[in-house]
Amino acid sequence: MLAASPLPLAATDLAELERMLGAGEARQVLDRLEALPPSKVLSPRVHLLAAEAAEAVGDVAGGEVERFLFVLCLQGLLATGDGSAAEPYLVCHPTDEYDLLEALELEPAGQLLVDDGRLCDVLTCSNGREVWFDVTAVMRPAGTRRRRKSATGRRALTRRISSSKKGRRNHARPAVRKRSTASR
């Protein structure tokens, strides 16, 4: 999928779609979702936005299908690994990391980019757990790109998936740490 759609969906683009949805522009959101690159089919966040937009325009059946696809995408992400350094989750988009943490009911508190022959985002959660995400396929094809995460988009997703989460998150730019392959 990444070969057909080499650029990941930008968190800022998805945050704009969330803003539009909140402003009652559901039809425009659906139109803009259609124009996204093919890798959108693997993004839980895209399916959640599509479900909410479909329901807002009265397409209940379409909303149900998109919610089903949202759950399938999360299950697919979970099936790629266990979140450890040895078996990190594989992601196609930066927002996938936060969608998966939200589904696991984990609160991100810090982030580190590790290069040990592969590129991994390591998110430290408020409970001390580290969750590893292999982002090599996303970042290496066009060189190592800096990625920006949208705090607004994450907060909106948090409210929609689980209303029990509270507090602000630390979303500092990730540091890069080199690790030797011997320590794997």
N, C-alpha and C. Protein backbone atom coordinates (compact mmCIF):
# COMPACT_ATOMS: atom_id res chain seq x y z
N MET A 1 0.82 -1.19 0.00
CA MET A 1 0.00 0.00 0.00
C MET A 1 0.86 1.25 0.00
N LEU A 2 1.96 1.22 0.75
CA LEU A 2 2.82 2.40 0.79
C LEU A 2 3.50 2.64 -0.55
N ALA A 3 3.70 1.59 -1.36
CA ALA A 3 4.27 1.79 -2.68
C ALA A 3 3.30 2.55 -3.58
N ALA A 4 2.01 2.28 -3.45
CA ALA A 4 1.00 2.98 -4.24
C ALA A 4 0.71 4.36 -3.69
N SER A 5 1.00 4.58 -2.45
CA SER A 5 0.68 5.83 -1.77
C SER A 5 1.85 6.18 -0.86
N PRO A 6 3.00 6.60 -1.44
CA PRO A 6 4.23 6.72 -0.67
C PRO A 6 4.22 7.76 0.44
N LEU A 7 3.36 8.76 0.38
CA LEU A 7 3.34 9.77 1.42
C LEU A 7 2.25 9.45 2.44
N PRO A 8 2.60 9.41 3.71
CA PRO A 8 1.57 9.14 4.72
C PRO A 8 0.62 10.32 4.82
N LEU A 9 -0.55 10.05 5.31
CA LEU A 9 -1.52 11.12 5.54
C LEU A 9 -0.97 12.04 6.62
N ALA A 10 -1.01 13.32 6.38
CA ALA A 10 -0.50 14.28 7.35
C ALA A 10 -1.51 14.47 8.48
N ALA A 11 -1.00 14.49 9.70
CA ALA A 11 -1.86 14.71 10.86
C ALA A 11 -2.56 16.05 10.75
N THR A 12 -1.90 17.03 10.15
CA THR A 12 -2.53 18.34 10.00
C THR A 12 -3.72 18.28 9.05
N ASP A 13 -3.63 17.47 8.01
CA ASP A 13 -4.76 17.32 7.08
C ASP A 13 -5.94 16.68 7.79
N LEU A 14 -5.68 15.67 8.58
CA LEU A 14 -6.77 15.00 9.29
C LEU A 14 -7.35 15.92 10.37
N ALA A 15 -6.50 16.73 10.99
CA ALA A 15 -6.99 17.69 11.99
C ALA A 15 -7.91 18.72 11.31
N GLU A 16 -7.58 19.12 10.09
CA GLU A 16 -8.44 20.05 9.34
C GLU A 16 -9.78 19.40 9.03
N LEU A 17 -9.77 18.12 8.67
CA LEU A 17 -11.03 17.42 8.42
C LEU A 17 -11.87 17.33 9.70
N GLU A 18 -11.23 17.11 10.83
CA GLU A 18 -11.95 17.08 12.11
C GLU A 18 -12.54 18.44 12.42
N ARG A 19 -11.79 19.51 12.12
CA ARG A 19 -12.31 20.86 12.33
C ARG A 19 -13.53 21.10 11.45
N MET A 20 -13.43 20.70 10.18
CA MET A 20 -14.54 20.88 9.25
C MET A 20 -15.78 20.11 9.73
N LEU A 21 -15.56 18.91 10.21
CA LEU A 21 -16.68 18.10 10.70
C LEU A 21 -17.35 18.79 11.89
N GLY A 22 -16.54 19.32 12.77
CA GLY A 22 -17.06 20.04 13.93
C GLY A 22 -17.82 21.31 13.53
N ALA A 23 -17.47 21.86 12.37
CA ALA A 23 -18.13 23.07 11.89
C ALA A 23 -19.37 22.75 11.06
N GLY A 24 -19.74 21.47 11.00
CA GLY A 24 -20.95 21.09 10.27
C GLY A 24 -20.76 20.93 8.78
N GLU A 25 -19.54 20.75 8.33
CA GLU A 25 -19.26 20.62 6.90
C GLU A 25 -19.05 19.15 6.52
N ALA A 26 -19.99 18.30 6.91
CA ALA A 26 -19.85 16.86 6.73
C ALA A 26 -19.75 16.47 5.26
N ARG A 27 -20.54 17.06 4.39
CA ARG A 27 -20.49 16.73 2.96
C ARG A 27 -19.11 17.04 2.38
N GLN A 28 -18.53 18.19 2.76
CA GLN A 28 -17.19 18.56 2.29
C GLN A 28 -16.13 17.60 2.83
N VAL A 29 -16.34 17.15 4.05
CA VAL A 29 -15.41 16.17 4.64
C VAL A 29 -15.42 14.89 3.81
N LEU A 30 -16.60 14.41 3.47
CA LEU A 30 -16.70 13.19 2.66
C LEU A 30 -16.02 13.38 1.31
N ASP A 31 -16.20 14.55 0.70
CA ASP A 31 -15.54 14.82 -0.59
C ASP A 31 -14.02 14.83 -0.44
N ARG A 32 -13.52 15.45 0.62
CA ARG A 32 -12.08 15.52 0.83
C ARG A 32 -11.50 14.16 1.19
N LEU A 33 -12.26 13.34 1.91
CA LEU A 33 -11.78 11.99 2.23
C LEU A 33 -11.60 11.17 0.95
N GLU A 34 -12.50 11.34 0.00
CA GLU A 34 -12.40 10.62 -1.28
C GLU A 34 -11.11 10.97 -2.01
N ALA A 35 -10.63 12.20 -1.85
CA ALA A 35 -9.45 12.66 -2.58
C ALA A 35 -8.12 12.28 -1.92
N LEU A 36 -8.18 11.69 -0.73
CA LEU A 36 -6.94 11.30 -0.04
C LEU A 36 -6.24 10.16 -0.79
N PRO A 37 -4.93 10.00 -0.57
CA PRO A 37 -4.19 8.92 -1.24
C PRO A 37 -4.71 7.53 -0.85
N PRO A 38 -4.41 6.52 -1.68
CA PRO A 38 -4.93 5.16 -1.45
C PRO A 38 -4.65 4.58 -0.06
N SER A 39 -3.57 4.99 0.58
CA SER A 39 -3.26 4.43 1.90
C SER A 39 -4.29 4.79 2.95
N LYS A 40 -5.23 5.67 2.60
CA LYS A 40 -6.28 6.05 3.55
C LYS A 40 -7.07 4.83 4.03
N VAL A 41 -7.13 3.79 3.21
CA VAL A 41 -7.93 2.61 3.59
C VAL A 41 -7.36 1.91 4.81
N LEU A 42 -6.10 2.18 5.15
CA LEU A 42 -5.47 1.54 6.30
C LEU A 42 -5.47 2.41 7.55
N SER A 43 -6.09 3.57 7.47
CA SER A 43 -6.07 4.51 8.58
C SER A 43 -7.35 4.43 9.41
N PRO A 44 -7.24 4.03 10.68
CA PRO A 44 -8.43 4.01 11.52
C PRO A 44 -9.09 5.39 11.60
N ARG A 45 -8.27 6.42 11.71
CA ARG A 45 -8.80 7.78 11.87
C ARG A 45 -9.65 8.18 10.67
N VAL A 46 -9.22 7.82 9.46
CA VAL A 46 -9.99 8.15 8.26
C VAL A 46 -11.36 7.50 8.33
N HIS A 47 -11.41 6.24 8.75
CA HIS A 47 -12.69 5.55 8.82
C HIS A 47 -13.60 6.14 9.91
N LEU A 48 -13.02 6.57 11.02
CA LEU A 48 -13.82 7.20 12.06
C LEU A 48 -14.40 8.52 11.56
N LEU A 49 -13.58 9.32 10.88
CA LEU A 49 -14.07 10.58 10.31
C LEU A 49 -15.16 10.32 9.26
N ALA A 50 -14.94 9.30 8.43
CA ALA A 50 -15.94 8.97 7.41
C ALA A 50 -17.25 8.52 8.04
N ALA A 51 -17.17 7.77 9.13
CA ALA A 51 -18.38 7.32 9.82
C ALA A 51 -19.16 8.51 10.37
N GLU A 52 -18.46 9.41 11.03
CA GLU A 52 -19.13 10.56 11.61
C GLU A 52 -19.71 11.47 10.54
N ALA A 53 -18.98 11.66 9.44
CA ALA A 53 -19.48 12.50 8.35
C ALA A 53 -20.69 11.86 7.69
N ALA A 54 -20.63 10.54 7.45
CA ALA A 54 -21.76 9.84 6.82
C ALA A 54 -23.00 9.95 7.69
N GLU A 55 -22.84 9.74 8.98
CA GLU A 55 -23.98 9.84 9.89
C GLU A 55 -24.54 11.26 9.93
N ALA A 56 -23.66 12.26 9.83
CA ALA A 56 -24.10 13.65 9.87
C ALA A 56 -24.93 14.04 8.65
N VAL A 57 -24.71 13.35 7.52
CA VAL A 57 -25.51 13.64 6.32
C VAL A 57 -26.67 12.67 6.18
N GLY A 58 -26.88 11.83 7.19
CA GLY A 58 -28.03 10.93 7.19
C GLY A 58 -27.79 9.56 6.60
N ASP A 59 -26.54 9.24 6.29
CA ASP A 59 -26.21 7.93 5.72
C ASP A 59 -25.84 6.98 6.87
N VAL A 60 -26.85 6.44 7.53
CA VAL A 60 -26.64 5.59 8.69
C VAL A 60 -25.89 4.31 8.30
N ALA A 61 -26.29 3.69 7.19
CA ALA A 61 -25.64 2.44 6.75
C ALA A 61 -24.17 2.69 6.42
N GLY A 62 -23.89 3.79 5.74
CA GLY A 62 -22.49 4.13 5.43
C GLY A 62 -21.69 4.36 6.69
N GLY A 63 -22.30 5.00 7.68
CA GLY A 63 -21.64 5.22 8.96
C GLY A 63 -21.31 3.92 9.66
N GLU A 64 -22.24 2.97 9.60
CA GLU A 64 -22.00 1.66 10.24
C GLU A 64 -20.85 0.92 9.56
N VAL A 65 -20.82 0.98 8.23
CA VAL A 65 -19.73 0.32 7.50
C VAL A 65 -18.39 0.95 7.88
N GLU A 66 -18.34 2.27 7.93
CA GLU A 66 -17.08 2.95 8.27
C GLU A 66 -16.66 2.65 9.71
N ARG A 67 -17.60 2.55 10.63
CA ARG A 67 -17.25 2.19 12.02
C ARG A 67 -16.70 0.76 12.08
N PHE A 68 -17.28 -0.13 11.28
CA PHE A 68 -16.78 -1.50 11.20
C PHE A 68 -15.34 -1.49 10.65
N LEU A 69 -15.08 -0.69 9.61
CA LEU A 69 -13.74 -0.59 9.04
C LEU A 69 -12.75 0.04 10.03
N PHE A 70 -13.22 0.97 10.82
CA PHE A 70 -12.41 1.58 11.87
C PHE A 70 -11.91 0.50 12.84
N VAL A 71 -12.82 -0.35 13.29
CA VAL A 71 -12.46 -1.43 14.22
C VAL A 71 -11.52 -2.43 13.54
N LEU A 72 -11.80 -2.77 12.28
CA LEU A 72 -10.92 -3.70 11.55
C LEU A 72 -9.51 -3.14 11.41
N CYS A 73 -9.39 -1.86 11.14
CA CYS A 73 -8.05 -1.25 11.02
C CYS A 73 -7.30 -1.32 12.34
N LEU A 74 -7.99 -1.05 13.44
CA LEU A 74 -7.34 -1.17 14.75
C LEU A 74 -6.91 -2.61 15.02
N GLN A 75 -7.78 -3.57 14.69
CA GLN A 75 -7.42 -4.98 14.88
C GLN A 75 -6.23 -5.35 13.99
N GLY A 76 -6.20 -4.81 12.78
CA GLY A 76 -5.08 -5.06 11.88
C GLY A 76 -3.78 -4.52 12.45
N LEU A 77 -3.81 -3.33 13.01
CA LEU A 77 -2.61 -2.76 13.63
C LEU A 77 -2.14 -3.62 14.79
N LEU A 78 -3.07 -4.07 15.62
CA LEU A 78 -2.72 -4.92 16.75
C LEU A 78 -2.10 -6.25 16.31
N ALA A 79 -2.50 -6.73 15.15
CA ALA A 79 -1.99 -8.02 14.66
C ALA A 79 -0.57 -7.93 14.11
N THR A 80 -0.04 -6.72 13.94
CA THR A 80 1.30 -6.58 13.34
C THR A 80 2.43 -6.79 14.33
N GLY A 81 2.14 -6.79 15.61
CA GLY A 81 3.18 -6.95 16.62
C GLY A 81 2.57 -6.95 18.00
N ASP A 82 3.46 -6.73 19.00
CA ASP A 82 2.95 -6.64 20.37
C ASP A 82 3.34 -5.33 21.04
N GLY A 83 3.96 -4.42 20.27
CA GLY A 83 4.34 -3.13 20.81
C GLY A 83 5.65 -3.12 21.56
N SER A 84 6.36 -4.24 21.56
CA SER A 84 7.65 -4.31 22.23
C SER A 84 8.76 -3.90 21.26
N ALA A 85 9.98 -3.74 21.78
CA ALA A 85 11.12 -3.42 20.91
C ALA A 85 11.38 -4.55 19.92
N ALA A 86 11.14 -5.78 20.33
CA ALA A 86 11.36 -6.94 19.46
C ALA A 86 10.27 -7.08 18.40
N GLU A 87 9.04 -6.71 18.75
CA GLU A 87 7.90 -6.84 17.83
C GLU A 87 7.04 -5.58 17.85
N PRO A 88 7.59 -4.48 17.28
CA PRO A 88 6.82 -3.24 17.30
C PRO A 88 5.61 -3.33 16.36
N TYR A 89 4.62 -2.50 16.64
CA TYR A 89 3.47 -2.40 15.74
C TYR A 89 3.94 -1.71 14.45
N LEU A 90 3.46 -2.16 13.32
CA LEU A 90 3.76 -1.52 12.04
C LEU A 90 2.65 -0.54 11.72
N VAL A 91 3.02 0.68 11.34
CA VAL A 91 2.03 1.70 11.02
C VAL A 91 2.28 2.27 9.64
N CYS A 92 1.22 2.81 9.05
CA CYS A 92 1.31 3.46 7.74
C CYS A 92 1.24 4.97 7.84
N HIS A 93 0.70 5.47 8.94
CA HIS A 93 0.50 6.91 9.12
C HIS A 93 0.86 7.29 10.55
N PRO A 94 1.38 8.48 10.75
CA PRO A 94 1.72 8.90 12.12
C PRO A 94 0.53 8.85 13.07
N THR A 95 -0.66 9.16 12.59
CA THR A 95 -1.84 9.15 13.47
C THR A 95 -2.21 7.74 13.93
N ASP A 96 -1.76 6.71 13.21
CA ASP A 96 -2.08 5.33 13.60
C ASP A 96 -1.56 5.04 15.01
N GLU A 97 -0.41 5.60 15.35
CA GLU A 97 0.18 5.35 16.67
C GLU A 97 -0.77 5.80 17.77
N TYR A 98 -1.30 7.00 17.63
CA TYR A 98 -2.17 7.55 18.66
C TYR A 98 -3.54 6.89 18.67
N ASP A 99 -4.01 6.49 17.49
CA ASP A 99 -5.28 5.76 17.43
C ASP A 99 -5.15 4.43 18.18
N LEU A 100 -4.01 3.75 17.99
CA LEU A 100 -3.82 2.47 18.66
C LEU A 100 -3.66 2.66 20.17
N LEU A 101 -2.91 3.67 20.59
CA LEU A 101 -2.78 3.92 22.03
C LEU A 101 -4.14 4.21 22.64
N GLU A 102 -4.95 4.98 21.94
CA GLU A 102 -6.29 5.30 22.45
C GLU A 102 -7.11 4.02 22.60
N ALA A 103 -7.04 3.14 21.62
CA ALA A 103 -7.79 1.88 21.69
C ALA A 103 -7.30 1.01 22.84
N LEU A 104 -6.01 1.10 23.16
CA LEU A 104 -5.44 0.33 24.27
C LEU A 104 -5.62 1.03 25.61
N GLU A 105 -6.29 2.18 25.58
CA GLU A 105 -6.53 2.98 26.77
C GLU A 105 -5.23 3.38 27.46
N LEU A 106 -4.26 3.79 26.63
CA LEU A 106 -2.98 4.27 27.14
C LEU A 106 -2.85 5.76 26.83
N GLU A 107 -2.27 6.49 27.75
CA GLU A 107 -2.10 7.94 27.65
C GLU A 107 -0.63 8.22 27.31
N PRO A 108 -0.35 8.77 26.10
CA PRO A 108 1.04 9.07 25.76
C PRO A 108 1.58 10.20 26.63
N ALA A 109 2.84 10.06 27.06
CA ALA A 109 3.47 11.08 27.90
C ALA A 109 4.78 11.57 27.29
N GLY A 110 5.37 10.81 26.40
CA GLY A 110 6.63 11.19 25.78
C GLY A 110 6.87 10.37 24.53
N GLN A 111 7.81 10.84 23.72
CA GLN A 111 8.06 10.18 22.44
C GLN A 111 9.53 10.27 22.10
N LEU A 112 10.05 9.21 21.51
CA LEU A 112 11.45 9.14 21.13
C LEU A 112 11.55 8.40 19.80
N LEU A 113 12.35 8.90 18.88
CA LEU A 113 12.60 8.20 17.63
C LEU A 113 13.91 7.45 17.76
N VAL A 114 13.86 6.14 17.57
CA VAL A 114 15.04 5.29 17.73
C VAL A 114 15.44 4.74 16.37
N ASP A 115 16.74 4.83 16.07
CA ASP A 115 17.27 4.28 14.82
C ASP A 115 18.24 3.17 15.19
N ASP A 116 17.80 1.92 15.05
CA ASP A 116 18.66 0.77 15.34
C ASP A 116 18.74 -0.12 14.11
N GLY A 117 18.78 0.49 12.93
CA GLY A 117 18.74 -0.24 11.68
C GLY A 117 17.35 -0.17 11.07
N ARG A 118 16.40 0.10 11.88
CA ARG A 118 15.02 0.40 11.49
C ARG A 118 14.65 1.66 12.27
N LEU A 119 13.64 2.35 11.84
CA LEU A 119 13.20 3.54 12.57
C LEU A 119 11.98 3.17 13.39
N CYS A 120 12.04 3.45 14.68
CA CYS A 120 10.92 3.15 15.57
C CYS A 120 10.57 4.38 16.39
N ASP A 121 9.29 4.69 16.42
CA ASP A 121 8.77 5.66 17.37
C ASP A 121 8.50 4.89 18.65
N VAL A 122 9.03 5.39 19.74
CA VAL A 122 8.80 4.77 21.04
C VAL A 122 8.00 5.77 21.86
N LEU A 123 6.78 5.41 22.16
CA LEU A 123 5.92 6.28 22.95
C LEU A 123 5.88 5.74 24.37
N THR A 124 6.28 6.61 25.30
CA THR A 124 6.20 6.27 26.71
C THR A 124 4.85 6.75 27.22
N CYS A 125 4.15 5.87 27.89
CA CYS A 125 2.81 6.19 28.36
C CYS A 125 2.86 6.66 29.81
N SER A 126 1.78 7.29 30.23
CA SER A 126 1.72 7.84 31.58
C SER A 126 1.87 6.77 32.67
N ASN A 127 1.58 5.51 32.32
CA ASN A 127 1.75 4.42 33.28
C ASN A 127 3.16 3.82 33.24
N GLY A 128 4.05 4.42 32.43
CA GLY A 128 5.43 3.96 32.34
C GLY A 128 5.69 2.96 31.22
N ARG A 129 4.65 2.43 30.62
CA ARG A 129 4.81 1.45 29.55
C ARG A 129 5.36 2.11 28.29
N GLU A 130 6.31 1.45 27.65
CA GLU A 130 6.81 1.88 26.34
C GLU A 130 6.10 1.07 25.27
N VAL A 131 5.62 1.77 24.24
CA VAL A 131 4.99 1.10 23.11
C VAL A 131 5.79 1.48 21.87
N TRP A 132 6.27 0.45 21.16
CA TRP A 132 7.13 0.64 20.00
C TRP A 132 6.33 0.53 18.71
N PHE A 133 6.63 1.43 17.77
CA PHE A 133 6.00 1.45 16.45
C PHE A 133 7.10 1.51 15.40
N ASP A 134 7.12 0.55 14.49
CA ASP A 134 8.09 0.55 13.40
C ASP A 134 7.57 1.49 12.32
N VAL A 135 8.31 2.58 12.08
CA VAL A 135 7.91 3.58 11.09
C VAL A 135 8.88 3.61 9.91
N THR A 136 9.70 2.58 9.78
CA THR A 136 10.69 2.52 8.71
C THR A 136 10.06 2.68 7.34
N ALA A 137 9.01 1.93 7.06
CA ALA A 137 8.38 1.98 5.73
C ALA A 137 7.76 3.35 5.45
N VAL A 138 7.37 4.04 6.48
CA VAL A 138 6.76 5.35 6.31
C VAL A 138 7.82 6.42 6.08
N MET A 139 8.93 6.33 6.79
CA MET A 139 9.91 7.42 6.78
C MET A 139 11.08 7.22 5.83
N ARG A 140 11.47 6.02 5.55
CA ARG A 140 12.68 5.82 4.76
C ARG A 140 12.50 5.99 3.25
N PRO A 141 11.37 5.68 2.64
CA PRO A 141 11.29 5.80 1.18
C PRO A 141 11.67 7.17 0.65
N ALA A 142 11.30 8.22 1.32
CA ALA A 142 11.61 9.58 0.87
C ALA A 142 12.64 10.21 1.80
N GLY A 143 13.42 9.40 2.48
CA GLY A 143 14.36 9.92 3.46
C GLY A 143 13.64 10.12 4.78
N THR A 144 14.39 10.39 5.79
CA THR A 144 13.78 10.60 7.10
C THR A 144 13.10 11.95 7.11
N ARG A 145 11.78 11.94 7.24
CA ARG A 145 10.99 13.16 7.27
C ARG A 145 10.68 13.51 8.71
N ARG A 146 10.61 14.77 8.99
CA ARG A 146 10.11 15.20 10.30
C ARG A 146 8.60 15.14 10.22
N ARG A 147 8.01 14.64 11.28
CA ARG A 147 6.56 14.51 11.30
C ARG A 147 6.00 15.37 12.40
N ARG A 148 4.90 16.00 12.09
CA ARG A 148 4.20 16.79 13.09
C ARG A 148 2.92 16.08 13.45
N LYS A 149 2.64 16.05 14.73
CA LYS A 149 1.41 15.44 15.19
C LYS A 149 0.47 16.56 15.64
N SER A 150 -0.78 16.39 15.37
CA SER A 150 -1.77 17.40 15.73
C SER A 150 -2.37 17.11 17.09
N ALA A 151 -2.07 17.95 18.06
CA ALA A 151 -2.64 17.76 19.40
C ALA A 151 -4.14 17.95 19.35
N THR A 152 -4.60 18.88 18.53
CA THR A 152 -6.05 19.10 18.41
C THR A 152 -6.74 17.85 17.89
N GLY A 153 -6.19 17.22 16.87
CA GLY A 153 -6.79 16.01 16.31
C GLY A 153 -6.82 14.88 17.31
N ARG A 154 -5.75 14.74 18.10
CA ARG A 154 -5.72 13.68 19.10
C ARG A 154 -6.76 13.93 20.18
N ARG A 155 -6.89 15.20 20.62
CA ARG A 155 -7.88 15.49 21.64
C ARG A 155 -9.29 15.21 21.14
N ALA A 156 -9.55 15.56 19.88
CA ALA A 156 -10.89 15.30 19.33
C ALA A 156 -11.14 13.80 19.24
N LEU A 157 -10.14 13.05 18.81
CA LEU A 157 -10.30 11.60 18.73
C LEU A 157 -10.51 11.01 20.12
N THR A 158 -9.77 11.53 21.08
CA THR A 158 -9.91 11.04 22.45
C THR A 158 -11.33 11.22 22.94
N ARG A 159 -11.93 12.39 22.67
CA ARG A 159 -13.30 12.63 23.11
C ARG A 159 -14.27 11.67 22.43
N ARG A 160 -14.02 11.33 21.17
CA ARG A 160 -14.96 10.48 20.45
C ARG A 160 -14.82 9.01 20.85
N ILE A 161 -13.62 8.53 21.08
CA ILE A 161 -13.43 7.11 21.39
C ILE A 161 -13.73 6.82 22.85
N SER A 162 -13.25 7.68 23.72
CA SER A 162 -13.44 7.41 25.15
C SER A 162 -13.57 8.72 25.89
N SER A 163 -14.73 8.96 26.44
CA SER A 163 -14.95 10.22 27.15
C SER A 163 -14.35 10.20 28.55
N SER A 164 -13.77 9.10 28.95
CA SER A 164 -13.23 9.01 30.30
C SER A 164 -11.81 9.56 30.41
N LYS A 165 -11.16 9.83 29.30
CA LYS A 165 -9.79 10.33 29.34
C LYS A 165 -9.81 11.82 29.67
N LYS A 166 -8.88 12.25 30.53
CA LYS A 166 -8.80 13.66 30.89
C LYS A 166 -7.35 14.08 30.97
N GLY A 167 -7.12 15.38 30.90
CA GLY A 167 -5.79 15.94 31.07
C GLY A 167 -5.11 16.24 29.75
N ARG A 168 -4.08 17.04 29.83
CA ARG A 168 -3.31 17.42 28.64
C ARG A 168 -2.17 16.43 28.45
N ARG A 169 -1.74 16.31 27.22
CA ARG A 169 -0.65 15.39 26.90
C ARG A 169 0.59 16.17 26.53
N ASN A 170 1.74 15.55 26.77
CA ASN A 170 3.00 16.15 26.38
C ASN A 170 3.32 15.68 24.97
N HIS A 171 3.32 16.59 24.02
CA HIS A 171 3.56 16.23 22.63
C HIS A 171 4.81 16.91 22.09
N ALA A 172 5.88 16.80 22.83
CA ALA A 172 7.13 17.40 22.39
C ALA A 172 7.65 16.67 21.16
N ARG A 173 8.43 17.39 20.36
CA ARG A 173 9.04 16.78 19.17
C ARG A 173 9.92 15.62 19.62
N PRO A 174 9.85 14.49 18.92
CA PRO A 174 10.62 13.33 19.36
C PRO A 174 12.12 13.55 19.22
N ALA A 175 12.87 13.03 20.17
CA ALA A 175 14.32 13.04 20.07
C ALA A 175 14.73 11.82 19.28
N VAL A 176 15.94 11.82 18.75
CA VAL A 176 16.44 10.66 18.00
C VAL A 176 17.58 10.07 18.79
N ARG A 177 17.50 8.77 19.00
CA ARG A 177 18.53 8.06 19.74
C ARG A 177 19.04 6.94 18.86
N LYS A 178 20.34 6.82 18.72
CA LYS A 178 20.94 5.72 17.96
C LYS A 178 21.20 4.58 18.93
N ARG A 179 20.83 3.39 18.50
CA ARG A 179 21.10 2.20 19.31
C ARG A 179 21.91 1.25 18.46
N SER A 180 22.79 0.54 19.10
CA SER A 180 23.55 -0.46 18.35
C SER A 180 22.66 -1.66 18.11
N THR A 181 22.90 -2.35 17.00
CA THR A 181 22.09 -3.52 16.69
C THR A 181 22.38 -4.66 17.65
N ALA A 182 23.50 -4.59 18.36
CA ALA A 182 23.83 -5.65 19.32
C ALA A 182 22.90 -5.62 20.52
N SER A 183 22.31 -4.44 20.82
CA SER A 183 21.45 -4.36 22.00
C SER A 183 20.03 -4.81 21.72
N ARG A 184 19.71 -5.20 20.52
CA ARG A 184 18.37 -5.69 20.17
C ARG A 184 18.19 -7.02 20.71
